[in-house]
């Protein structure tokens, strides 16, 4: 845990220690942050693997792209990607894009937009 986050947590823990909602929200934020850290490492490592596979036979002034169409170039990204998707599902739930109340929120959003457009010219 970083110093700033630890200090913030220590300050707010005393204030909200009896509030279960704070503890739940704090754990959820930590899980989301963990997922984004996992995603960042996934992108960096796989970019390095793919670029190094393409530059493996770089001799002189020509670029050999023989590694571009080989399975071993992308196998790590593929299998690690499966694990990353499972991590995303565990953090965000199965309804990542369309949650239970998504339809209601969208309807309310469009109704609010229409009412602001109607009130704009009155």
Protein backbone atom coordinates (compact mmCIF):
# COMPACT_ATOMS: atom_id res chain seq x y z
CA UNK A 1 0.00 0.00 0.00
CA UNK A 2 1.41 3.40 -0.95
CA UNK A 3 2.16 6.01 1.70
CA UNK A 4 -0.50 8.46 0.56
CA UNK A 5 -3.15 5.79 0.28
CA UNK A 6 -2.16 4.31 3.64
CA UNK A 7 -2.33 7.74 5.30
CA UNK A 8 -5.70 8.48 3.70
CA UNK A 9 -7.02 5.11 4.77
CA UNK A 10 -5.76 5.61 8.33
CA UNK A 11 -7.45 9.01 8.53
CA UNK A 12 -10.75 7.83 7.12
CA UNK A 13 -10.69 4.47 8.87
CA UNK A 14 -11.12 6.15 12.23
CA UNK A 15 -13.97 8.24 10.92
CA UNK A 16 -15.71 5.49 8.96
CA UNK A 17 -14.60 2.37 10.81
CA UNK A 18 -18.16 1.54 11.80
CA UNK A 19 -19.52 2.30 8.32
CA UNK A 20 -19.63 -0.96 6.40
CA UNK A 21 -20.38 0.89 3.14
CA UNK A 22 -16.97 2.59 3.31
CA UNK A 23 -15.21 -0.74 3.79
CA UNK A 24 -17.10 -2.32 0.88
CA UNK A 25 -16.38 0.67 -1.38
CA UNK A 26 -12.71 0.66 -0.38
CA UNK A 27 -12.35 -3.04 -1.22
CA UNK A 28 -14.13 -2.55 -4.55
CA UNK A 29 -11.83 0.34 -5.50
CA UNK A 30 -8.78 -1.78 -4.62
CA UNK A 31 -10.07 -4.64 -6.81
CA UNK A 32 -10.69 -2.28 -9.74
CA UNK A 33 -7.23 -0.75 -9.32
CA UNK A 34 -5.74 -4.25 -9.24
CA UNK A 35 -7.48 -5.09 -12.51
CA UNK A 36 -6.17 -1.97 -14.24
CA UNK A 37 -2.66 -2.74 -12.99
CA UNK A 38 -3.03 -6.25 -14.42
CA UNK A 39 -4.22 -4.79 -17.74
CA UNK A 40 -1.28 -2.36 -17.86
CA UNK A 41 1.27 -5.12 -17.26
CA UNK A 42 -0.48 -7.32 -19.86
CA UNK A 43 -0.24 -4.62 -22.53
CA UNK A 44 3.38 -3.73 -21.80
CA UNK A 45 4.69 -7.30 -21.59
CA UNK A 46 2.85 -8.50 -24.69
CA UNK A 47 3.95 -5.48 -26.69
CA UNK A 48 7.55 -6.28 -25.75
CA UNK A 49 7.09 -9.96 -26.69
CA UNK A 50 5.55 -9.15 -30.07
CA UNK A 51 8.10 -6.46 -30.94
CA UNK A 52 11.01 -8.68 -29.92
CA UNK A 53 9.61 -11.54 -32.02
CA UNK A 54 9.40 -9.27 -35.03
CA UNK A 55 12.91 -7.90 -34.52
CA UNK A 56 14.47 -11.29 -33.78
CA UNK A 57 16.09 -11.62 -37.19
CA UNK A 58 16.81 -7.95 -37.83
CA UNK A 59 20.05 -7.84 -39.80
CA UNK A 60 21.38 -4.80 -41.58
CA UNK A 61 18.80 -2.46 -43.00
CA UNK A 62 15.94 -4.84 -43.77
CA UNK A 63 13.11 -5.86 -41.47
CA UNK A 64 12.15 -9.53 -41.41
CA UNK A 65 8.53 -10.08 -40.46
CA UNK A 66 8.70 -13.87 -40.34
CA UNK A 67 7.61 -13.90 -36.68
CA UNK A 68 4.47 -11.94 -37.47
CA UNK A 69 2.42 -14.96 -38.51
CA UNK A 70 3.76 -17.54 -36.08
CA UNK A 71 1.68 -18.92 -33.21
CA UNK A 72 4.36 -18.54 -30.53
CA UNK A 73 4.36 -14.78 -31.10
CA UNK A 74 0.79 -14.45 -29.86
CA UNK A 75 0.34 -17.51 -27.63
CA UNK A 76 1.27 -15.67 -24.43
CA UNK A 77 -1.12 -12.82 -25.25
CA UNK A 78 -3.89 -15.31 -26.02
CA UNK A 79 -3.67 -17.39 -22.84
CA UNK A 80 -2.94 -14.42 -20.61
CA UNK A 81 -5.87 -12.64 -22.27
CA UNK A 82 -8.17 -15.44 -21.16
CA UNK A 83 -6.96 -14.95 -17.59
CA UNK A 84 -7.42 -11.18 -17.95
CA UNK A 85 -11.03 -11.64 -19.09
CA UNK A 86 -11.69 -13.89 -16.09
CA UNK A 87 -10.16 -11.22 -13.83
CA UNK A 88 -12.43 -8.57 -15.41
CA UNK A 89 -15.49 -10.75 -14.85
CA UNK A 90 -14.53 -11.29 -11.21
CA UNK A 91 -14.09 -7.53 -10.66
CA UNK A 92 -16.91 -6.04 -12.72
CA UNK A 93 -19.34 -8.94 -12.74
CA UNK A 94 -20.91 -10.70 -15.66
CA UNK A 95 -22.90 -7.68 -16.75
CA UNK A 96 -19.94 -5.46 -17.58
CA UNK A 97 -21.71 -3.50 -20.28
CA UNK A 98 -25.40 -3.95 -19.51
CA UNK A 99 -26.06 -4.14 -15.78
CA UNK A 100 -29.48 -4.79 -14.28
CA UNK A 101 -30.41 -1.13 -14.04
CA UNK A 102 -28.71 -0.06 -17.28
CA UNK A 103 -31.95 0.08 -19.26
CA UNK A 104 -33.67 2.20 -16.63
CA UNK A 105 -30.72 4.61 -16.41
CA UNK A 106 -30.60 5.02 -20.21
CA UNK A 107 -34.33 5.68 -20.43
CA UNK A 108 -34.03 8.28 -17.68
CA UNK A 109 -31.03 9.84 -19.41
CA UNK A 110 -32.86 10.19 -22.73
CA UNK A 111 -35.94 11.57 -20.99
CA UNK A 112 -33.76 14.18 -19.27
CA UNK A 113 -32.13 15.11 -22.57
CA UNK A 114 -35.49 15.56 -24.25
CA UNK A 115 -36.82 17.66 -21.39
CA UNK A 116 -33.76 19.94 -21.47
CA UNK A 117 -34.17 20.35 -25.24
CA UNK A 118 -37.85 21.20 -24.80
CA UNK A 119 -37.10 23.65 -21.98
CA UNK A 120 -34.23 25.23 -23.90
CA UNK A 121 -36.53 27.06 -26.33
CA UNK A 122 -39.24 28.02 -23.86
